[in-house]
N, C-alpha and C. Protein backbone atom coordinates (compact mmCIF):
# COMPACT_ATOMS: atom_id res chain seq x y z
N MET A 1 0.85 -1.17 0.00
CA MET A 1 0.00 0.00 0.00
C MET A 1 0.90 1.24 0.00
N PRO A 2 0.71 2.16 -0.95
CA PRO A 2 1.53 3.37 -1.01
C PRO A 2 1.28 4.28 0.18
N THR A 3 2.28 5.06 0.50
CA THR A 3 2.15 6.02 1.60
C THR A 3 2.60 7.39 1.12
N ILE A 4 2.06 8.42 1.74
CA ILE A 4 2.45 9.78 1.36
C ILE A 4 3.72 10.21 2.10
N LYS A 5 4.10 9.46 3.13
CA LYS A 5 5.28 9.78 3.90
C LYS A 5 6.52 9.16 3.27
N LYS A 6 7.63 9.86 3.37
CA LYS A 6 8.91 9.36 2.90
C LYS A 6 9.45 8.38 3.93
N ARG A 7 9.87 7.23 3.46
CA ARG A 7 10.44 6.23 4.36
C ARG A 7 11.96 6.36 4.38
N ILE A 8 12.52 6.23 5.58
CA ILE A 8 13.97 6.22 5.72
C ILE A 8 14.36 5.02 6.56
N ASN A 9 15.55 4.52 6.34
CA ASN A 9 16.07 3.41 7.14
C ASN A 9 17.19 3.94 8.01
N ILE A 10 17.10 3.65 9.30
CA ILE A 10 18.16 4.05 10.21
C ILE A 10 18.56 2.86 11.07
N SER A 11 19.80 2.85 11.47
CA SER A 11 20.30 1.82 12.38
C SER A 11 20.43 2.44 13.76
N VAL A 12 19.91 1.76 14.77
CA VAL A 12 19.98 2.28 16.13
C VAL A 12 20.60 1.23 17.05
N SER A 13 21.17 1.71 18.14
CA SER A 13 21.76 0.80 19.12
C SER A 13 20.65 0.01 19.83
N LYS A 14 21.05 -1.04 20.52
CA LYS A 14 20.08 -1.85 21.27
C LYS A 14 19.39 -1.00 22.35
N GLU A 15 20.18 -0.12 22.98
CA GLU A 15 19.63 0.73 24.04
C GLU A 15 18.59 1.70 23.49
N LEU A 16 18.90 2.30 22.36
CA LEU A 16 17.96 3.23 21.75
C LEU A 16 16.70 2.52 21.28
N ASN A 17 16.88 1.36 20.70
CA ASN A 17 15.72 0.57 20.26
C ASN A 17 14.84 0.19 21.44
N SER A 18 15.47 -0.21 22.53
CA SER A 18 14.72 -0.60 23.73
C SER A 18 13.93 0.59 24.28
N ALA A 19 14.57 1.76 24.32
CA ALA A 19 13.87 2.95 24.81
C ALA A 19 12.72 3.32 23.89
N LEU A 20 12.94 3.21 22.58
CA LEU A 20 11.90 3.54 21.62
C LEU A 20 10.70 2.59 21.76
N ILE A 21 10.97 1.32 21.96
CA ILE A 21 9.90 0.34 22.17
C ILE A 21 9.08 0.69 23.41
N LYS A 22 9.78 1.00 24.50
CA LYS A 22 9.09 1.33 25.76
C LYS A 22 8.25 2.60 25.63
N LEU A 23 8.81 3.62 24.98
CA LEU A 23 8.07 4.87 24.83
C LEU A 23 6.85 4.70 23.91
N ALA A 24 7.02 3.94 22.86
CA ALA A 24 5.90 3.69 21.95
C ALA A 24 4.79 2.91 22.65
N LYS A 25 5.20 1.92 23.43
CA LYS A 25 4.22 1.12 24.16
C LYS A 25 3.49 1.98 25.20
N ARG A 26 4.25 2.84 25.90
CA ARG A 26 3.66 3.72 26.90
C ARG A 26 2.62 4.64 26.29
N ASP A 27 2.94 5.19 25.11
CA ASP A 27 2.05 6.14 24.45
C ASP A 27 1.05 5.46 23.52
N GLN A 28 1.13 4.15 23.44
CA GLN A 28 0.22 3.34 22.62
C GLN A 28 0.20 3.81 21.17
N VAL A 29 1.41 3.94 20.61
CA VAL A 29 1.57 4.31 19.20
C VAL A 29 2.61 3.38 18.59
N PRO A 30 2.60 3.22 17.28
CA PRO A 30 3.64 2.41 16.63
C PRO A 30 5.03 3.02 16.85
N GLN A 31 6.04 2.17 16.80
CA GLN A 31 7.41 2.64 16.97
C GLN A 31 7.77 3.72 15.96
N ALA A 32 7.37 3.55 14.72
CA ALA A 32 7.71 4.52 13.69
C ALA A 32 7.08 5.88 13.99
N THR A 33 5.87 5.88 14.52
CA THR A 33 5.19 7.12 14.87
C THR A 33 5.93 7.82 16.01
N LYS A 34 6.33 7.05 17.01
CA LYS A 34 7.06 7.61 18.13
C LYS A 34 8.42 8.15 17.68
N ALA A 35 9.10 7.41 16.80
CA ALA A 35 10.39 7.86 16.28
C ALA A 35 10.23 9.17 15.52
N GLU A 36 9.18 9.27 14.71
CA GLU A 36 8.94 10.50 13.96
C GLU A 36 8.66 11.67 14.91
N HIS A 37 7.87 11.42 15.94
CA HIS A 37 7.55 12.47 16.92
C HIS A 37 8.82 12.96 17.60
N LEU A 38 9.68 12.05 18.02
CA LEU A 38 10.91 12.43 18.70
C LEU A 38 11.87 13.15 17.76
N LEU A 39 11.93 12.73 16.52
CA LEU A 39 12.77 13.39 15.53
C LEU A 39 12.27 14.81 15.25
N ARG A 40 10.97 14.96 15.14
CA ARG A 40 10.37 16.28 14.93
C ARG A 40 10.69 17.21 16.10
N PHE A 41 10.57 16.68 17.33
CA PHE A 41 10.87 17.45 18.53
C PHE A 41 12.34 17.88 18.55
N ALA A 42 13.22 16.97 18.19
CA ALA A 42 14.66 17.29 18.15
C ALA A 42 14.96 18.37 17.12
N LEU A 43 14.31 18.30 15.96
CA LEU A 43 14.51 19.31 14.92
C LEU A 43 14.01 20.68 15.37
N GLU A 44 12.89 20.71 16.09
CA GLU A 44 12.38 21.97 16.62
C GLU A 44 13.34 22.56 17.64
N MET A 45 13.92 21.72 18.48
CA MET A 45 14.90 22.19 19.45
C MET A 45 16.14 22.73 18.74
N GLU A 46 16.57 22.07 17.70
CA GLU A 46 17.72 22.51 16.91
C GLU A 46 17.43 23.87 16.27
N GLU A 47 16.22 24.04 15.74
CA GLU A 47 15.83 25.31 15.15
C GLU A 47 15.81 26.41 16.20
N ASP A 48 15.23 26.11 17.38
CA ASP A 48 15.19 27.09 18.46
C ASP A 48 16.60 27.53 18.86
N ASN A 49 17.50 26.58 18.93
CA ASN A 49 18.89 26.87 19.31
C ASN A 49 19.54 27.78 18.27
N THR A 50 19.33 27.50 17.00
CA THR A 50 19.89 28.32 15.93
C THR A 50 19.34 29.73 15.97
N LEU A 51 18.02 29.86 16.14
CA LEU A 51 17.41 31.19 16.23
C LEU A 51 17.90 31.95 17.45
N ASN A 52 18.15 31.24 18.55
CA ASN A 52 18.68 31.87 19.76
C ASN A 52 20.09 32.41 19.52
N VAL A 53 20.91 31.66 18.80
CA VAL A 53 22.27 32.11 18.48
C VAL A 53 22.20 33.39 17.65
N ILE A 54 21.30 33.42 16.67
CA ILE A 54 21.13 34.61 15.83
C ILE A 54 20.67 35.80 16.68
N ALA A 55 19.69 35.57 17.55
CA ALA A 55 19.16 36.64 18.39
C ALA A 55 20.24 37.18 19.33
N GLU A 56 21.02 36.29 19.93
CA GLU A 56 22.07 36.73 20.84
C GLU A 56 23.13 37.55 20.11
N SER A 57 23.42 37.20 18.86
CA SER A 57 24.42 37.96 18.12
C SER A 57 23.91 39.36 17.78
N ARG A 58 22.61 39.51 17.68
CA ARG A 58 22.02 40.82 17.37
C ARG A 58 21.78 41.67 18.61
N ASP A 59 21.81 41.05 19.78
CA ASP A 59 21.53 41.75 21.04
C ASP A 59 22.80 42.41 21.54
N THR A 60 23.08 43.57 21.04
CA THR A 60 24.27 44.32 21.44
C THR A 60 23.85 45.67 22.00
N SER A 61 24.78 46.34 22.66
CA SER A 61 24.46 47.65 23.23
C SER A 61 24.23 48.70 22.13
N SER A 62 24.73 48.43 20.93
CA SER A 62 24.54 49.38 19.84
C SER A 62 23.35 49.01 18.93
N ALA A 63 22.56 48.04 19.36
CA ALA A 63 21.42 47.60 18.54
C ALA A 63 20.39 48.73 18.42
N LYS A 64 19.78 48.83 17.25
CA LYS A 64 18.78 49.85 17.00
C LYS A 64 17.40 49.26 17.37
N PHE A 65 16.64 50.00 18.14
CA PHE A 65 15.32 49.56 18.55
C PHE A 65 14.26 50.40 17.86
N ILE A 66 13.17 49.75 17.47
CA ILE A 66 12.04 50.47 16.88
C ILE A 66 10.79 50.09 17.67
N ILE A 67 9.82 51.00 17.67
CA ILE A 67 8.60 50.74 18.43
C ILE A 67 7.73 49.70 17.71
N HIS A 68 6.90 49.07 18.45
CA HIS A 68 6.06 47.98 17.94
C HIS A 68 5.19 48.42 16.76
N LYS A 69 4.54 49.55 16.87
CA LYS A 69 3.64 50.01 15.81
C LYS A 69 4.39 50.22 14.50
N THR A 70 5.61 50.71 14.59
CA THR A 70 6.41 50.93 13.39
C THR A 70 6.81 49.60 12.76
N ALA A 71 7.16 48.65 13.58
CA ALA A 71 7.60 47.34 13.08
C ALA A 71 6.48 46.60 12.36
N TRP A 72 5.26 46.73 12.85
CA TRP A 72 4.15 45.95 12.30
C TRP A 72 3.23 46.78 11.40
N ARG A 73 3.70 47.86 10.91
CA ARG A 73 2.92 48.70 10.03
C ARG A 73 2.82 48.14 8.66
C-alpha cells in the first residue's frame, strides 16, 4: 500500500531501540510514529537553538530599537 510519507532506514543501538519500544508502548503508538515524533521534537529544538544564536548575536548595546507600531505597520 503506497504512503504519502517518505520512508527512511536508520540503524539504532540496542539501548535506543529498547527505549523507543518502551516509549511507543507507553504512548500506545507504533514505533515509527514515536520515532517521527521524537525526531520532529529534536529538529524543533535545533531550530530554536539556531534562532537563539542569531538573536544573541544581534543583542548588542549598539542595537537599534524600533517601536512595535512601526515594526508591524
